[in-house]
Amino acid sequence: LEKTRATPNALCLFQGPTLSGKSTILNEFVD
């Protein structure tokens, strides 16, 4: 996620099954 932010032209697919921790990680990244 940090590389996506720092790379001039970047788009990220972020995948994981339900309850795999996606939301927790995204909130940590945004914070």
PDB file of all heavy atoms in Angstrom:
ATOM      1  N   LEU A   1       0.831  -1.210   0.000  1.00  0.00           N
ATOM      2  CA  LEU A   1       0.000   0.000   0.000  1.00  0.00           C
ATOM      3  C   LEU A   1       0.863   1.258   0.000  1.00  0.00           C
ATOM      4  O   LEU A   1       0.548   2.242  -0.694  1.00  0.00           O
ATOM      5  CB  LEU A   1      -0.929  -0.012   1.211  1.00  0.00           C
ATOM      6  CG  LEU A   1      -2.032  -1.080   1.184  1.00  0.00           C
ATOM      7  CD1 LEU A   1      -2.717  -1.174   2.536  1.00  0.00           C
ATOM      8  CD2 LEU A   1      -3.055  -0.790   0.084  1.00  0.00           C
ATOM      9  N   GLU A   2       1.954   1.225   0.750  1.00  0.00           N
ATOM     10  CA  GLU A   2       2.854   2.378   0.762  1.00  0.00           C
ATOM     11  C   GLU A   2       3.537   2.556  -0.598  1.00  0.00           C
ATOM     12  O   GLU A   2       3.710   3.690  -1.070  1.00  0.00           O
ATOM     13  CB  GLU A   2       3.896   2.206   1.870  1.00  0.00           C
ATOM     14  CG  GLU A   2       4.980   3.284   1.914  1.00  0.00           C
ATOM     15  CD  GLU A   2       4.435   4.698   2.039  1.00  0.00           C
ATOM     16  OE1 GLU A   2       3.322   4.893   2.585  1.00  0.00           O
ATOM     17  OE2 GLU A   2       5.130   5.628   1.584  1.00  0.00           O
ATOM     18  N   LYS A   3       3.916   1.444  -1.236  1.00  0.00           N
ATOM     19  CA  LYS A   3       4.506   1.548  -2.581  1.00  0.00           C
ATOM     20  C   LYS A   3       3.497   2.124  -3.567  1.00  0.00           C
ATOM     21  O   LYS A   3       3.859   2.892  -4.466  1.00  0.00           O
ATOM     22  CB  LYS A   3       4.977   0.176  -3.049  1.00  0.00           C
ATOM     23  CG  LYS A   3       6.223  -0.341  -2.346  1.00  0.00           C
ATOM     24  CD  LYS A   3       6.586  -1.728  -2.828  1.00  0.00           C
ATOM     25  CE  LYS A   3       7.796  -2.282  -2.091  1.00  0.00           C
ATOM     26  NZ  LYS A   3       8.119  -3.667  -2.522  1.00  0.00           N
ATOM     27  N   THR A   4       2.228   1.757  -3.423  1.00  0.00           N
ATOM     28  CA  THR A   4       1.190   2.315  -4.288  1.00  0.00           C
ATOM     29  C   THR A   4       1.104   3.825  -4.094  1.00  0.00           C
ATOM     30  O   THR A   4       0.969   4.587  -5.065  1.00  0.00           O
ATOM     31  CB  THR A   4      -0.170   1.667  -3.965  1.00  0.00           C
ATOM     32  OG1 THR A   4      -0.075   0.251  -4.163  1.00  0.00           O
ATOM     33  CG2 THR A   4      -1.263   2.208  -4.860  1.00  0.00           C
ATOM     34  N   ARG A   5       1.173   4.265  -2.847  1.00  0.00           N
ATOM     35  CA  ARG A   5       1.125   5.710  -2.580  1.00  0.00           C
ATOM     36  C   ARG A   5       2.334   6.429  -3.173  1.00  0.00           C
ATOM     37  O   ARG A   5       2.212   7.512  -3.744  1.00  0.00           O
ATOM     38  CB  ARG A   5       1.079   5.960  -1.070  1.00  0.00           C
ATOM     39  CG  ARG A   5       0.962   7.441  -0.691  1.00  0.00           C
ATOM     40  CD  ARG A   5       1.469   7.704   0.708  1.00  0.00           C
ATOM     41  NE  ARG A   5       2.907   7.464   0.815  1.00  0.00           N
ATOM     42  CZ  ARG A   5       3.848   8.308   0.393  1.00  0.00           C
ATOM     43  NH1 ARG A   5       3.502   9.449  -0.197  1.00  0.00           N
ATOM     44  NH2 ARG A   5       5.121   8.021   0.527  1.00  0.00           N
ATOM     45  N   ALA A   6       3.516   5.823  -3.055  1.00  0.00           N
ATOM     46  CA  ALA A   6       4.753   6.500  -3.420  1.00  0.00           C
ATOM     47  C   ALA A   6       5.095   6.405  -4.901  1.00  0.00           C
ATOM     48  O   ALA A   6       5.872   7.217  -5.408  1.00  0.00           O
ATOM     49  CB  ALA A   6       5.908   5.932  -2.598  1.00  0.00           C
ATOM     50  N   THR A   7       4.525   5.439  -5.623  1.00  0.00           N
ATOM     51  CA  THR A   7       4.853   5.251  -7.038  1.00  0.00           C
ATOM     52  C   THR A   7       4.037   6.234  -7.890  1.00  0.00           C
ATOM     53  O   THR A   7       2.820   6.341  -7.717  1.00  0.00           O
ATOM     54  CB  THR A   7       4.554   3.807  -7.477  1.00  0.00           C
ATOM     55  OG1 THR A   7       5.292   2.917  -6.641  1.00  0.00           O
ATOM     56  CG2 THR A   7       4.944   3.585  -8.929  1.00  0.00           C
ATOM     57  N   PRO A   8       4.678   6.971  -8.806  1.00  0.00           N
ATOM     58  CA  PRO A   8       3.961   8.000  -9.585  1.00  0.00           C
ATOM     59  C   PRO A   8       2.729   7.478 -10.307  1.00  0.00           C
ATOM     60  O   PRO A   8       1.685   8.119 -10.308  1.00  0.00           O
ATOM     61  CB  PRO A   8       5.026   8.492 -10.576  1.00  0.00           C
ATOM     62  CG  PRO A   8       6.329   8.228  -9.883  1.00  0.00           C
ATOM     63  CD  PRO A   8       6.123   6.969  -9.107  1.00  0.00           C
ATOM     64  N   ASN A   9       2.836   6.329 -10.954  1.00  0.00           N
ATOM     65  CA  ASN A   9       1.679   5.731 -11.635  1.00  0.00           C
ATOM     66  C   ASN A   9       1.462   4.343 -11.051  1.00  0.00           C
ATOM     67  O   ASN A   9       2.200   3.417 -11.351  1.00  0.00           O
ATOM     68  CB  ASN A   9       1.923   5.641 -13.144  1.00  0.00           C
ATOM     69  CG  ASN A   9       1.942   7.007 -13.804  1.00  0.00           C
ATOM     70  OD1 ASN A   9       0.911   7.638 -13.963  1.00  0.00           O
ATOM     71  ND2 ASN A   9       3.136   7.476 -14.158  1.00  0.00           N
ATOM     72  N   ALA A  10       0.457   4.229 -10.199  1.00  0.00           N
ATOM     73  CA  ALA A  10       0.252   2.961  -9.506  1.00  0.00           C
ATOM     74  C   ALA A  10      -1.224   2.719  -9.245  1.00  0.00           C
ATOM     75  O   ALA A  10      -1.983   3.647  -8.993  1.00  0.00           O
ATOM     76  CB  ALA A  10       1.014   2.946  -8.180  1.00  0.00           C
ATOM     77  N   LEU A  11      -1.599   1.454  -9.331  1.00  0.00           N
ATOM     78  CA  LEU A  11      -2.958   1.019  -9.000  1.00  0.00           C
ATOM     79  C   LEU A  11      -2.841  -0.353  -8.355  1.00  0.00           C
ATOM     80  O   LEU A  11      -2.136  -1.224  -8.853  1.00  0.00           O
ATOM     81  CB  LEU A  11      -3.833   0.968 -10.249  1.00  0.00           C
ATOM     82  CG  LEU A  11      -5.318   0.667 -10.046  1.00  0.00           C
ATOM     83  CD1 LEU A  11      -6.154   1.379 -11.117  1.00  0.00           C
ATOM     84  CD2 LEU A  11      -5.630  -0.819 -10.073  1.00  0.00           C
ATOM     85  N   CYS A  12      -3.516  -0.530  -7.226  1.00  0.00           N
ATOM     86  CA  CYS A  12      -3.346  -1.735  -6.424  1.00  0.00           C
ATOM     87  C   CYS A  12      -4.650  -2.514  -6.326  1.00  0.00           C
ATOM     88  O   CYS A  12      -5.710  -1.942  -6.053  1.00  0.00           O
ATOM     89  CB  CYS A  12      -2.868  -1.351  -5.027  1.00  0.00           C
ATOM     90  SG  CYS A  12      -2.677  -2.744  -3.884  1.00  0.00           S
ATOM     91  N   LEU A  13      -4.551  -3.830  -6.525  1.00  0.00           N
ATOM     92  CA  LEU A  13      -5.627  -4.751  -6.180  1.00  0.00           C
ATOM     93  C   LEU A  13      -5.280  -5.342  -4.825  1.00  0.00           C
ATOM     94  O   LEU A  13      -4.177  -5.849  -4.624  1.00  0.00           O
ATOM     95  CB  LEU A  13      -5.756  -5.865  -7.218  1.00  0.00           C
ATOM     96  CG  LEU A  13      -5.968  -5.452  -8.675  1.00  0.00           C
ATOM     97  CD1 LEU A  13      -6.160  -6.694  -9.547  1.00  0.00           C
ATOM     98  CD2 LEU A  13      -7.139  -4.502  -8.828  1.00  0.00           C
ATOM     99  N   PHE A  14      -6.225  -5.288  -3.894  1.00  0.00           N
ATOM    100  CA  PHE A  14      -5.983  -5.739  -2.521  1.00  0.00           C
ATOM    101  C   PHE A  14      -7.070  -6.748  -2.172  1.00  0.00           C
ATOM    102  O   PHE A  14      -8.228  -6.394  -1.996  1.00  0.00           O
ATOM    103  CB  PHE A  14      -6.035  -4.529  -1.578  1.00  0.00           C
ATOM    104  CG  PHE A  14      -5.667  -4.846  -0.155  1.00  0.00           C
ATOM    105  CD1 PHE A  14      -4.344  -5.002   0.218  1.00  0.00           C
ATOM    106  CD2 PHE A  14      -6.641  -4.960   0.816  1.00  0.00           C
ATOM    107  CE1 PHE A  14      -4.008  -5.287   1.535  1.00  0.00           C
ATOM    108  CE2 PHE A  14      -6.318  -5.234   2.132  1.00  0.00           C
ATOM    109  CZ  PHE A  14      -4.990  -5.397   2.492  1.00  0.00           C
ATOM    110  N   GLN A  15      -6.682  -8.034  -2.091  1.00  0.00           N
ATOM    111  CA  GLN A  15      -7.671  -9.093  -1.978  1.00  0.00           C
ATOM    112  C   GLN A  15      -7.405 -10.006  -0.784  1.00  0.00           C
ATOM    113  O   GLN A  15      -6.258 -10.261  -0.429  1.00  0.00           O
ATOM    114  CB  GLN A  15      -7.681  -9.942  -3.263  1.00  0.00           C
ATOM    115  CG  GLN A  15      -8.038  -9.148  -4.507  1.00  0.00           C
ATOM    116  CD  GLN A  15      -6.965  -9.212  -5.592  1.00  0.00           C
ATOM    117  OE1 GLN A  15      -7.255  -9.570  -6.722  1.00  0.00           O
ATOM    118  NE2 GLN A  15      -5.736  -8.881  -5.276  1.00  0.00           N
ATOM    119  N   GLY A  16      -8.483 -10.485  -0.197  1.00  0.00           N
ATOM    120  CA  GLY A  16      -8.408 -11.426   0.913  1.00  0.00           C
ATOM    121  C   GLY A  16      -9.813 -11.853   1.269  1.00  0.00           C
ATOM    122  O   GLY A  16     -10.761 -11.070   1.131  1.00  0.00           O
ATOM    123  N   PRO A  17     -10.006 -13.089   1.716  1.00  0.00           N
ATOM    124  CA  PRO A  17     -11.360 -13.560   2.028  1.00  0.00           C
ATOM    125  C   PRO A  17     -11.971 -12.805   3.205  1.00  0.00           C
ATOM    126  O   PRO A  17     -11.296 -12.043   3.899  1.00  0.00           O
ATOM    127  CB  PRO A  17     -11.144 -15.037   2.361  1.00  0.00           C
ATOM    128  CG  PRO A  17      -9.717 -15.134   2.794  1.00  0.00           C
ATOM    129  CD  PRO A  17      -8.980 -14.113   1.991  1.00  0.00           C
ATOM    130  N   THR A  18     -13.257 -13.011   3.430  1.00  0.00           N
ATOM    131  CA  THR A  18     -13.949 -12.399   4.557  1.00  0.00           C
ATOM    132  C   THR A  18     -13.232 -12.758   5.865  1.00  0.00           C
ATOM    133  O   THR A  18     -12.824 -13.903   6.071  1.00  0.00           O
ATOM    134  CB  THR A  18     -15.411 -12.891   4.612  1.00  0.00           C
ATOM    135  OG1 THR A  18     -16.043 -12.569   3.367  1.00  0.00           O
ATOM    136  CG2 THR A  18     -16.166 -12.235   5.746  1.00  0.00           C
ATOM    137  N   LEU A  19     -13.056 -11.735   6.734  1.00  0.00           N
ATOM    138  CA  LEU A  19     -12.404 -11.883   8.037  1.00  0.00           C
ATOM    139  C   LEU A  19     -10.911 -12.197   7.928  1.00  0.00           C
ATOM    140  O   LEU A  19     -10.314 -12.776   8.839  1.00  0.00           O
ATOM    141  CB  LEU A  19     -13.100 -12.964   8.883  1.00  0.00           C
ATOM    142  CG  LEU A  19     -14.571 -12.693   9.230  1.00  0.00           C
ATOM    143  CD1 LEU A  19     -15.162 -13.865   9.995  1.00  0.00           C
ATOM    144  CD2 LEU A  19     -14.704 -11.413  10.040  1.00  0.00           C
ATOM    145  N   SER A  20     -10.302 -11.788   6.819  1.00  0.00           N
ATOM    146  CA  SER A  20      -8.859 -12.000   6.655  1.00  0.00           C
ATOM    147  C   SER A  20      -8.039 -10.832   7.187  1.00  0.00           C
ATOM    148  O   SER A  20      -6.807 -10.890   7.173  1.00  0.00           O
ATOM    149  CB  SER A  20      -8.527 -12.221   5.176  1.00  0.00           C
ATOM    150  OG  SER A  20      -8.892 -11.085   4.402  1.00  0.00           O
ATOM    151  N   GLY A  21      -8.699  -9.755   7.648  1.00  0.00           N
ATOM    152  CA  GLY A  21      -7.977  -8.617   8.206  1.00  0.00           C
ATOM    153  C   GLY A  21      -7.841  -7.437   7.273  1.00  0.00           C
ATOM    154  O   GLY A  21      -7.080  -6.503   7.567  1.00  0.00           O
ATOM    155  N   LYS A  22      -8.565  -7.428   6.149  1.00  0.00           N
ATOM    156  CA  LYS A  22      -8.424  -6.343   5.165  1.00  0.00           C
ATOM    157  C   LYS A  22      -8.739  -4.979   5.774  1.00  0.00           C
ATOM    158  O   LYS A  22      -7.967  -4.033   5.632  1.00  0.00           O
ATOM    159  CB  LYS A  22      -9.345  -6.596   3.961  1.00  0.00           C
ATOM    160  CG  LYS A  22      -9.041  -7.848   3.167  1.00  0.00           C
ATOM    161  CD  LYS A  22      -9.840  -7.915   1.873  1.00  0.00           C
ATOM    162  CE  LYS A  22     -11.345  -7.957   2.100  1.00  0.00           C
ATOM    163  NZ  LYS A  22     -11.790  -9.160   2.851  1.00  0.00           N
ATOM    164  N   SER A  23      -9.888  -4.872   6.435  1.00  0.00           N
ATOM    165  CA  SER A  23     -10.318  -3.574   6.961  1.00  0.00           C
ATOM    166  C   SER A  23      -9.353  -3.049   8.012  1.00  0.00           C
ATOM    167  O   SER A  23      -9.031  -1.851   8.036  1.00  0.00           O
ATOM    168  CB  SER A  23     -11.733  -3.678   7.546  1.00  0.00           C
ATOM    169  OG  SER A  23     -12.670  -3.987   6.538  1.00  0.00           O
ATOM    170  N   THR A  24      -8.870  -3.924   8.889  1.00  0.00           N
ATOM    171  CA  THR A  24      -7.914  -3.502   9.918  1.00  0.00           C
ATOM    172  C   THR A  24      -6.648  -2.951   9.293  1.00  0.00           C
ATOM    173  O   THR A  24      -6.121  -1.904   9.712  1.00  0.00           O
ATOM    174  CB  THR A  24      -7.567  -4.691  10.836  1.00  0.00           C
ATOM    175  OG1 THR A  24      -8.762  -5.151  11.481  1.00  0.00           O
ATOM    176  CG2 THR A  24      -6.549  -4.298  11.888  1.00  0.00           C
ATOM    177  N   ILE A  25      -6.152  -3.619   8.269  1.00  0.00           N
ATOM    178  CA  ILE A  25      -4.922  -3.176   7.601  1.00  0.00           C
ATOM    179  C   ILE A  25      -5.152  -1.864   6.863  1.00  0.00           C
ATOM    180  O   ILE A  25      -4.325  -0.942   6.918  1.00  0.00           O
ATOM    181  CB  ILE A  25      -4.424  -4.270   6.639  1.00  0.00           C
ATOM    182  CG1 ILE A  25      -3.944  -5.480   7.440  1.00  0.00           C
ATOM    183  CG2 ILE A  25      -3.301  -3.753   5.742  1.00  0.00           C
ATOM    184  CD1 ILE A  25      -3.651  -6.709   6.587  1.00  0.00           C
ATOM    185  N   LEU A  26      -6.285  -1.733   6.178  1.00  0.00           N
ATOM    186  CA  LEU A  26      -6.584  -0.496   5.456  1.00  0.00           C
ATOM    187  C   LEU A  26      -6.718   0.682   6.421  1.00  0.00           C
ATOM    188  O   LEU A  26      -6.233   1.789   6.134  1.00  0.00           O
ATOM    189  CB  LEU A  26      -7.858  -0.668   4.629  1.00  0.00           C
ATOM    190  CG  LEU A  26      -7.737  -1.611   3.430  1.00  0.00           C
ATOM    191  CD1 LEU A  26      -9.105  -1.901   2.840  1.00  0.00           C
ATOM    192  CD2 LEU A  26      -6.813  -1.025   2.359  1.00  0.00           C
ATOM    193  N   ASN A  27      -7.378   0.469   7.558  1.00  0.00           N
ATOM    194  CA  ASN A  27      -7.502   1.542   8.547  1.00  0.00           C
ATOM    195  C   ASN A  27      -6.133   1.937   9.092  1.00  0.00           C
ATOM    196  O   ASN A  27      -5.848   3.130   9.279  1.00  0.00           O
ATOM    197  CB  ASN A  27      -8.403   1.099   9.704  1.00  0.00           C
ATOM    198  CG  ASN A  27      -9.865   1.015   9.304  1.00  0.00           C
ATOM    199  OD1 ASN A  27     -10.314   1.694   8.384  1.00  0.00           O
ATOM    200  ND2 ASN A  27     -10.618   0.167   9.985  1.00  0.00           N
ATOM    201  N   GLU A  28      -5.277   0.940   9.328  1.00  0.00           N
ATOM    202  CA  GLU A  28      -3.929   1.238   9.806  1.00  0.00           C
ATOM    203  C   GLU A  28      -3.153   2.042   8.772  1.00  0.00           C
ATOM    204  O   GLU A  28      -2.430   2.994   9.120  1.00  0.00           O
ATOM    205  CB  GLU A  28      -3.201  -0.074  10.129  1.00  0.00           C
ATOM    206  CG  GLU A  28      -1.826   0.118  10.736  1.00  0.00           C
ATOM    207  CD  GLU A  28      -1.118  -1.189  11.031  1.00  0.00           C
ATOM    208  OE1 GLU A  28      -1.687  -2.262  10.736  1.00  0.00           O
ATOM    209  OE2 GLU A  28       0.001  -1.143  11.564  1.00  0.00           O
ATOM    210  N   PHE A  29      -3.310   1.680   7.502  1.00  0.00           N
ATOM    211  CA  PHE A  29      -2.617   2.407   6.435  1.00  0.00           C
ATOM    212  C   PHE A  29      -3.109   3.842   6.343  1.00  0.00           C
ATOM    213  O   PHE A  29      -2.303   4.790   6.289  1.00  0.00           O
ATOM    214  CB  PHE A  29      -2.838   1.685   5.101  1.00  0.00           C
ATOM    215  CG  PHE A  29      -2.394   2.470   3.902  1.00  0.00           C
ATOM    216  CD1 PHE A  29      -1.051   2.744   3.683  1.00  0.00           C
ATOM    217  CD2 PHE A  29      -3.327   2.948   2.982  1.00  0.00           C
ATOM    218  CE1 PHE A  29      -0.636   3.469   2.571  1.00  0.00           C
ATOM    219  CE2 PHE A  29      -2.925   3.676   1.871  1.00  0.00           C
ATOM    220  CZ  PHE A  29      -1.580   3.936   1.669  1.00  0.00           C
ATOM    221  N   VAL A  30      -4.420   4.052   6.351  1.00  0.00           N
ATOM    222  CA  VAL A  30      -4.977   5.403   6.246  1.00  0.00           C
ATOM    223  C   VAL A  30      -4.538   6.252   7.436  1.00  0.00           C
ATOM    224  O   VAL A  30      -4.187   7.432   7.289  1.00  0.00           O
ATOM    225  CB  VAL A  30      -6.519   5.343   6.145  1.00  0.00           C
ATOM    226  CG1 VAL A  30      -7.124   6.741   6.261  1.00  0.00           C
ATOM    227  CG2 VAL A  30      -6.933   4.710   4.818  1.00  0.00           C
ATOM    228  N   ASP A  31      -4.525   5.665   8.631  1.00  0.00           N
ATOM    229  CA  ASP A  31      -4.110   6.412   9.820  1.00  0.00           C
ATOM    230  C   ASP A  31      -2.640   6.821   9.759  1.00  0.00           C
ATOM    231  O   ASP A  31      -2.229   7.783  10.419  1.00  0.00           O
ATOM    232  CB  ASP A  31      -4.340   5.570  11.080  1.00  0.00           C
ATOM    233  CG  ASP A  31      -5.816   5.409  11.414  1.00  0.00           C
ATOM    234  OD1 ASP A  31      -6.634   6.183  10.869  1.00  0.00           O
ATOM    235  OD2 ASP A  31      -6.154   4.499  12.199  1.00  0.00           O
TER     236      ASP A  31
END
